[in-house]
Amino acid sequence: MRLAYQYVILRCVPRVDREEFVNVGVVAYCQEAEFLAAACHLEQERLRALAPGLDLAAVTSALRFVDSVCRGDASVGAAAVGDLGTRFGFLKAPRSTVVQPGPVHGGTTTDPSAELRRLLELLVHHPG
């Protein structure tokens, strides 16, 4: 059975005014499977080339926060409380921080976890 899902690509945007970014993760949400998860991959060399002074620890911290919201870890605050749809709504909301969600996309899958891994490989990993 195919299940509908939504996803956003997480982007590292070192300088919002320049509108340059590097994809660093994916958040996938499938209501039917009660699935909300993030997968991330930082290519530090690409990020340093884009923004030599970028605080990589801040980027890593922001990605950990996203993962904590997905897992419902209440220790990170109100964003992690509520049902999966509410938490995905928080994560997909536009914001002006170093890690930002891109537009919402959707599809169907038989395995949301495998689809998240596929999206990470397709949209975030950089060959080379």
N, C-alpha and C. Protein backbone atom coordinates (compact mmCIF):
# COMPACT_ATOMS: atom_id res chain seq x y z
N MET A 1 0.84 -1.18 0.00
CA MET A 1 0.00 0.00 0.00
C MET A 1 0.89 1.25 0.00
N ARG A 2 0.60 2.17 -0.88
CA ARG A 2 1.37 3.41 -0.97
C ARG A 2 0.78 4.44 -0.01
N LEU A 3 1.66 5.13 0.68
CA LEU A 3 1.28 6.13 1.67
C LEU A 3 1.71 7.51 1.20
N ALA A 4 0.85 8.49 1.39
CA ALA A 4 1.21 9.87 1.05
C ALA A 4 2.14 10.43 2.13
N TYR A 5 3.11 11.21 1.70
CA TYR A 5 4.01 11.85 2.65
C TYR A 5 4.38 13.24 2.14
N GLN A 6 4.92 14.04 3.04
CA GLN A 6 5.43 15.37 2.70
C GLN A 6 6.86 15.46 3.21
N TYR A 7 7.64 16.34 2.57
CA TYR A 7 9.00 16.56 3.06
C TYR A 7 9.44 17.98 2.77
N VAL A 8 10.41 18.42 3.55
CA VAL A 8 11.11 19.67 3.30
C VAL A 8 12.60 19.38 3.33
N ILE A 9 13.31 20.11 2.49
CA ILE A 9 14.76 20.05 2.50
C ILE A 9 15.25 21.11 3.48
N LEU A 10 16.17 20.76 4.33
CA LEU A 10 16.77 21.72 5.25
C LEU A 10 17.98 22.34 4.56
N ARG A 11 18.05 23.65 4.62
CA ARG A 11 19.12 24.39 3.95
C ARG A 11 19.93 25.17 4.97
N CYS A 12 21.23 25.14 4.80
CA CYS A 12 22.09 26.02 5.58
C CYS A 12 22.24 27.30 4.77
N VAL A 13 21.81 28.40 5.37
CA VAL A 13 21.84 29.71 4.72
C VAL A 13 22.72 30.62 5.58
N PRO A 14 24.02 30.65 5.30
CA PRO A 14 24.94 31.41 6.15
C PRO A 14 24.64 32.90 6.17
N ARG A 15 24.26 33.45 5.02
CA ARG A 15 23.92 34.88 4.94
C ARG A 15 22.61 35.01 4.19
N VAL A 16 21.57 35.31 4.93
CA VAL A 16 20.23 35.41 4.35
C VAL A 16 20.20 36.44 3.23
N ASP A 17 20.94 37.53 3.36
CA ASP A 17 20.92 38.59 2.36
C ASP A 17 21.48 38.14 1.02
N ARG A 18 22.33 37.13 0.99
CA ARG A 18 22.90 36.64 -0.28
C ARG A 18 22.07 35.55 -0.92
N GLU A 19 21.14 34.96 -0.17
CA GLU A 19 20.24 33.92 -0.66
C GLU A 19 20.99 32.71 -1.23
N GLU A 20 22.17 32.42 -0.69
CA GLU A 20 22.93 31.24 -1.08
C GLU A 20 22.74 30.18 0.01
N PHE A 21 22.69 28.93 -0.41
CA PHE A 21 22.49 27.88 0.59
C PHE A 21 23.10 26.56 0.12
N VAL A 22 23.26 25.67 1.09
CA VAL A 22 23.68 24.29 0.86
C VAL A 22 22.65 23.40 1.54
N ASN A 23 22.15 22.40 0.83
CA ASN A 23 21.21 21.46 1.44
C ASN A 23 21.95 20.62 2.49
N VAL A 24 21.36 20.54 3.68
CA VAL A 24 22.01 19.81 4.78
C VAL A 24 21.14 18.73 5.41
N GLY A 25 19.89 18.62 4.98
CA GLY A 25 19.03 17.61 5.58
C GLY A 25 17.66 17.57 4.95
N VAL A 26 16.89 16.59 5.41
CA VAL A 26 15.51 16.40 4.95
C VAL A 26 14.67 16.03 6.16
N VAL A 27 13.46 16.57 6.21
CA VAL A 27 12.47 16.17 7.21
C VAL A 27 11.31 15.57 6.44
N ALA A 28 10.91 14.35 6.81
CA ALA A 28 9.79 13.67 6.15
C ALA A 28 8.69 13.40 7.16
N TYR A 29 7.45 13.57 6.68
CA TYR A 29 6.27 13.37 7.53
C TYR A 29 5.25 12.53 6.76
N CYS A 30 4.80 11.44 7.37
CA CYS A 30 3.76 10.59 6.81
C CYS A 30 2.72 10.34 7.90
N GLN A 31 1.59 11.00 7.77
CA GLN A 31 0.56 10.89 8.79
C GLN A 31 0.05 9.46 8.93
N GLU A 32 -0.21 8.79 7.80
CA GLU A 32 -0.76 7.43 7.84
C GLU A 32 0.14 6.45 8.57
N ALA A 33 1.45 6.64 8.47
CA ALA A 33 2.40 5.74 9.12
C ALA A 33 2.85 6.26 10.48
N GLU A 34 2.31 7.39 10.90
CA GLU A 34 2.73 8.04 12.15
C GLU A 34 4.25 8.19 12.17
N PHE A 35 4.76 8.81 11.10
CA PHE A 35 6.20 8.93 10.89
C PHE A 35 6.59 10.40 10.75
N LEU A 36 7.56 10.82 11.53
CA LEU A 36 8.17 12.14 11.41
C LEU A 36 9.64 11.96 11.78
N ALA A 37 10.52 12.24 10.83
CA ALA A 37 11.95 12.04 11.10
C ALA A 37 12.77 12.98 10.24
N ALA A 38 13.98 13.23 10.71
CA ALA A 38 14.95 14.04 9.97
C ALA A 38 16.19 13.21 9.71
N ALA A 39 16.81 13.49 8.58
CA ALA A 39 18.11 12.90 8.25
C ALA A 39 18.98 14.04 7.75
N CYS A 40 20.20 14.11 8.24
CA CYS A 40 21.07 15.24 7.92
C CYS A 40 22.46 14.77 7.53
N HIS A 41 23.12 15.63 6.75
CA HIS A 41 24.50 15.37 6.35
C HIS A 41 25.17 16.72 6.08
N LEU A 42 26.20 17.03 6.85
CA LEU A 42 26.94 18.28 6.66
C LEU A 42 28.20 18.03 5.84
N GLU A 43 28.32 18.73 4.76
CA GLU A 43 29.55 18.71 3.97
C GLU A 43 30.32 19.97 4.34
N GLN A 44 31.18 19.82 5.34
CA GLN A 44 31.86 20.97 5.93
C GLN A 44 32.69 21.75 4.92
N GLU A 45 33.32 21.06 3.98
CA GLU A 45 34.14 21.76 2.99
C GLU A 45 33.29 22.69 2.13
N ARG A 46 32.13 22.21 1.69
CA ARG A 46 31.23 23.04 0.88
C ARG A 46 30.75 24.25 1.68
N LEU A 47 30.41 24.02 2.94
CA LEU A 47 29.94 25.12 3.77
C LEU A 47 31.04 26.14 4.02
N ARG A 48 32.25 25.67 4.27
CA ARG A 48 33.37 26.59 4.49
C ARG A 48 33.69 27.38 3.22
N ALA A 49 33.54 26.74 2.05
CA ALA A 49 33.78 27.44 0.78
C ALA A 49 32.74 28.54 0.57
N LEU A 50 31.51 28.27 0.96
CA LEU A 50 30.43 29.25 0.81
C LEU A 50 30.55 30.37 1.84
N ALA A 51 30.92 30.00 3.05
CA ALA A 51 30.98 30.99 4.14
C ALA A 51 32.12 30.62 5.08
N PRO A 52 33.33 31.12 4.81
CA PRO A 52 34.50 30.73 5.61
C PRO A 52 34.34 30.94 7.10
N GLY A 53 33.59 31.92 7.53
CA GLY A 53 33.43 32.20 8.96
C GLY A 53 32.23 31.53 9.61
N LEU A 54 31.58 30.64 8.90
CA LEU A 54 30.36 30.00 9.40
C LEU A 54 30.64 29.21 10.68
N ASP A 55 29.77 29.38 11.65
CA ASP A 55 29.85 28.65 12.91
C ASP A 55 29.22 27.27 12.71
N LEU A 56 30.05 26.28 12.38
CA LEU A 56 29.54 24.94 12.12
C LEU A 56 28.89 24.31 13.35
N ALA A 57 29.33 24.69 14.52
CA ALA A 57 28.72 24.18 15.75
C ALA A 57 27.27 24.67 15.86
N ALA A 58 27.00 25.90 15.43
CA ALA A 58 25.63 26.42 15.45
C ALA A 58 24.75 25.67 14.46
N VAL A 59 25.30 25.34 13.30
CA VAL A 59 24.55 24.57 12.30
C VAL A 59 24.23 23.19 12.85
N THR A 60 25.22 22.55 13.43
CA THR A 60 25.02 21.22 14.02
C THR A 60 23.99 21.27 15.13
N SER A 61 24.04 22.30 15.95
CA SER A 61 23.06 22.46 17.03
C SER A 61 21.64 22.64 16.47
N ALA A 62 21.50 23.41 15.42
CA ALA A 62 20.19 23.63 14.80
C ALA A 62 19.64 22.31 14.24
N LEU A 63 20.50 21.50 13.65
CA LEU A 63 20.06 20.22 13.11
C LEU A 63 19.69 19.24 14.22
N ARG A 64 20.41 19.29 15.33
CA ARG A 64 20.05 18.46 16.49
C ARG A 64 18.68 18.88 17.03
N PHE A 65 18.42 20.18 17.03
CA PHE A 65 17.12 20.68 17.48
C PHE A 65 16.01 20.11 16.60
N VAL A 66 16.20 20.14 15.29
CA VAL A 66 15.20 19.59 14.36
C VAL A 66 14.95 18.12 14.68
N ASP A 67 16.01 17.36 14.87
CA ASP A 67 15.87 15.95 15.19
C ASP A 67 15.11 15.76 16.51
N SER A 68 15.40 16.60 17.49
CA SER A 68 14.71 16.50 18.78
C SER A 68 13.23 16.81 18.64
N VAL A 69 12.88 17.78 17.81
CA VAL A 69 11.45 18.09 17.57
C VAL A 69 10.78 16.89 16.91
N CYS A 70 11.43 16.29 15.93
CA CYS A 70 10.88 15.11 15.26
C CYS A 70 10.61 13.99 16.26
N ARG A 71 11.53 13.79 17.18
CA ARG A 71 11.41 12.71 18.17
C ARG A 71 10.46 13.05 19.32
N GLY A 72 10.01 14.31 19.39
CA GLY A 72 9.12 14.70 20.47
C GLY A 72 9.83 14.88 21.80
N ASP A 73 11.09 15.27 21.77
CA ASP A 73 11.89 15.46 22.96
C ASP A 73 11.50 16.79 23.62
N ALA A 74 10.64 16.72 24.62
CA ALA A 74 10.10 17.92 25.27
C ALA A 74 11.17 18.78 25.92
N SER A 75 12.37 18.26 26.11
CA SER A 75 13.42 19.06 26.73
C SER A 75 13.86 20.23 25.85
N VAL A 76 13.51 20.21 24.55
CA VAL A 76 13.89 21.32 23.67
C VAL A 76 12.80 22.39 23.58
N GLY A 77 11.69 22.18 24.30
CA GLY A 77 10.67 23.22 24.36
C GLY A 77 9.36 22.85 23.69
N ALA A 78 8.51 23.86 23.58
CA ALA A 78 7.14 23.68 23.10
C ALA A 78 7.06 23.14 21.68
N ALA A 79 8.04 23.41 20.84
CA ALA A 79 8.01 22.95 19.45
C ALA A 79 7.96 21.43 19.36
N ALA A 80 8.47 20.74 20.37
CA ALA A 80 8.52 19.29 20.35
C ALA A 80 7.30 18.64 20.99
N VAL A 81 6.37 19.46 21.44
CA VAL A 81 5.17 18.95 22.10
C VAL A 81 4.02 18.99 21.09
N GLY A 82 3.18 18.03 21.14
CA GLY A 82 2.05 17.98 20.23
C GLY A 82 2.16 16.80 19.29
N ASP A 83 1.14 16.66 18.45
CA ASP A 83 1.14 15.53 17.54
C ASP A 83 2.15 15.74 16.41
N LEU A 84 2.35 14.72 15.62
CA LEU A 84 3.36 14.77 14.56
C LEU A 84 3.06 15.88 13.55
N GLY A 85 1.79 16.05 13.19
CA GLY A 85 1.42 17.08 12.24
C GLY A 85 1.75 18.48 12.74
N THR A 86 1.53 18.72 14.01
CA THR A 86 1.85 20.01 14.61
C THR A 86 3.35 20.25 14.60
N ARG A 87 4.11 19.20 14.94
CA ARG A 87 5.57 19.34 14.95
C ARG A 87 6.12 19.55 13.54
N PHE A 88 5.56 18.83 12.55
CA PHE A 88 5.99 19.06 11.17
C PHE A 88 5.63 20.48 10.74
N GLY A 89 4.46 20.96 11.15
CA GLY A 89 4.06 22.33 10.84
C GLY A 89 5.07 23.33 11.36
N PHE A 90 5.57 23.12 12.56
CA PHE A 90 6.60 24.00 13.11
C PHE A 90 7.87 23.93 12.28
N LEU A 91 8.29 22.71 11.93
CA LEU A 91 9.56 22.54 11.22
C LEU A 91 9.52 23.08 9.79
N LYS A 92 8.35 23.06 9.16
CA LYS A 92 8.26 23.53 7.77
C LYS A 92 8.01 25.04 7.67
N ALA A 93 7.75 25.69 8.79
CA ALA A 93 7.47 27.13 8.78
C ALA A 93 8.72 27.92 8.41
N PRO A 94 8.57 28.90 7.53
CA PRO A 94 9.74 29.72 7.15
C PRO A 94 10.33 30.42 8.36
N ARG A 95 11.64 30.54 8.35
CA ARG A 95 12.32 31.26 9.42
C ARG A 95 13.61 31.85 8.86
N SER A 96 14.11 32.83 9.56
CA SER A 96 15.33 33.51 9.12
C SER A 96 16.46 33.15 10.07
N THR A 97 16.91 31.91 9.98
CA THR A 97 18.01 31.43 10.80
C THR A 97 19.02 30.75 9.88
N VAL A 98 20.08 30.25 10.43
CA VAL A 98 21.13 29.63 9.62
C VAL A 98 20.65 28.32 8.97
N VAL A 99 19.69 27.62 9.58
CA VAL A 99 19.09 26.42 8.98
C VAL A 99 17.63 26.72 8.72
N GLN A 100 17.24 26.63 7.44
CA GLN A 100 15.88 26.98 7.03
C GLN A 100 15.26 25.83 6.24
N PRO A 101 13.93 25.67 6.35
CA PRO A 101 13.26 24.68 5.51
C PRO A 101 12.99 25.27 4.13
N GLY A 102 13.09 24.43 3.12
CA GLY A 102 12.69 24.82 1.78
C GLY A 102 11.19 24.61 1.62
N PRO A 103 10.69 24.71 0.40
CA PRO A 103 9.27 24.48 0.16
C PRO A 103 8.86 23.04 0.49
N VAL A 104 7.58 22.86 0.78
CA VAL A 104 7.04 21.53 1.06
C VAL A 104 6.81 20.81 -0.26
N HIS A 105 7.26 19.56 -0.31
CA HIS A 105 7.03 18.69 -1.45
C HIS A 105 6.32 17.44 -0.95
N GLY A 106 5.77 16.66 -1.86
CA GLY A 106 5.08 15.46 -1.44
C GLY A 106 5.28 14.32 -2.41
N GLY A 107 4.83 13.16 -2.00
CA GLY A 107 4.92 11.98 -2.83
C GLY A 107 4.21 10.83 -2.16
N THR A 108 4.44 9.64 -2.67
CA THR A 108 3.90 8.44 -2.05
C THR A 108 5.04 7.42 -1.91
N THR A 109 4.89 6.57 -0.92
CA THR A 109 5.92 5.57 -0.64
C THR A 109 5.29 4.39 0.09
N THR A 110 5.97 3.28 0.06
CA THR A 110 5.55 2.14 0.87
C THR A 110 6.34 2.07 2.16
N ASP A 111 7.44 2.84 2.24
CA ASP A 111 8.33 2.79 3.40
C ASP A 111 8.88 4.19 3.67
N PRO A 112 8.26 4.95 4.58
CA PRO A 112 8.70 6.32 4.83
C PRO A 112 10.16 6.43 5.27
N SER A 113 10.64 5.50 6.07
CA SER A 113 12.02 5.55 6.53
C SER A 113 12.99 5.37 5.36
N ALA A 114 12.72 4.42 4.50
CA ALA A 114 13.57 4.21 3.32
C ALA A 114 13.49 5.42 2.38
N GLU A 115 12.32 6.00 2.28
CA GLU A 115 12.15 7.18 1.42
C GLU A 115 12.96 8.36 1.96
N LEU A 116 13.00 8.52 3.27
CA LEU A 116 13.80 9.58 3.87
C LEU A 116 15.28 9.38 3.53
N ARG A 117 15.76 8.16 3.63
CA ARG A 117 17.16 7.87 3.28
C ARG A 117 17.41 8.15 1.79
N ARG A 118 16.45 7.79 0.93
CA ARG A 118 16.59 8.02 -0.50
C ARG A 118 16.65 9.51 -0.80
N LEU A 119 15.78 10.28 -0.16
CA LEU A 119 15.76 11.73 -0.37
C LEU A 119 17.07 12.36 0.11
N LEU A 120 17.58 11.90 1.23
CA LEU A 120 18.85 12.44 1.73
C LEU A 120 19.95 12.20 0.70
N GLU A 121 20.01 10.99 0.18
CA GLU A 121 21.04 10.66 -0.81
C GLU A 121 20.86 11.50 -2.10
N LEU A 122 19.64 11.64 -2.54
CA LEU A 122 19.35 12.33 -3.79
C LEU A 122 19.53 13.84 -3.68
N LEU A 123 19.09 14.42 -2.57
CA LEU A 123 18.99 15.89 -2.47
C LEU A 123 20.06 16.56 -1.62
N VAL A 124 20.76 15.79 -0.80
CA VAL A 124 21.70 16.42 0.13
C VAL A 124 23.14 15.98 -0.14
N HIS A 125 23.36 14.69 -0.27
CA HIS A 125 24.72 14.21 -0.52
C HIS A 125 25.21 14.79 -1.83
N HIS A 126 26.45 15.20 -1.82
CA HIS A 126 27.05 15.81 -3.01
C HIS A 126 28.09 14.85 -3.56
N PRO A 127 27.90 14.38 -4.80
CA PRO A 127 28.91 13.46 -5.33
C PRO A 127 30.26 14.15 -5.48
N GLY A 128 31.27 13.43 -5.23
CA GLY A 128 32.57 14.01 -5.47
C GLY A 128 33.54 13.72 -4.43
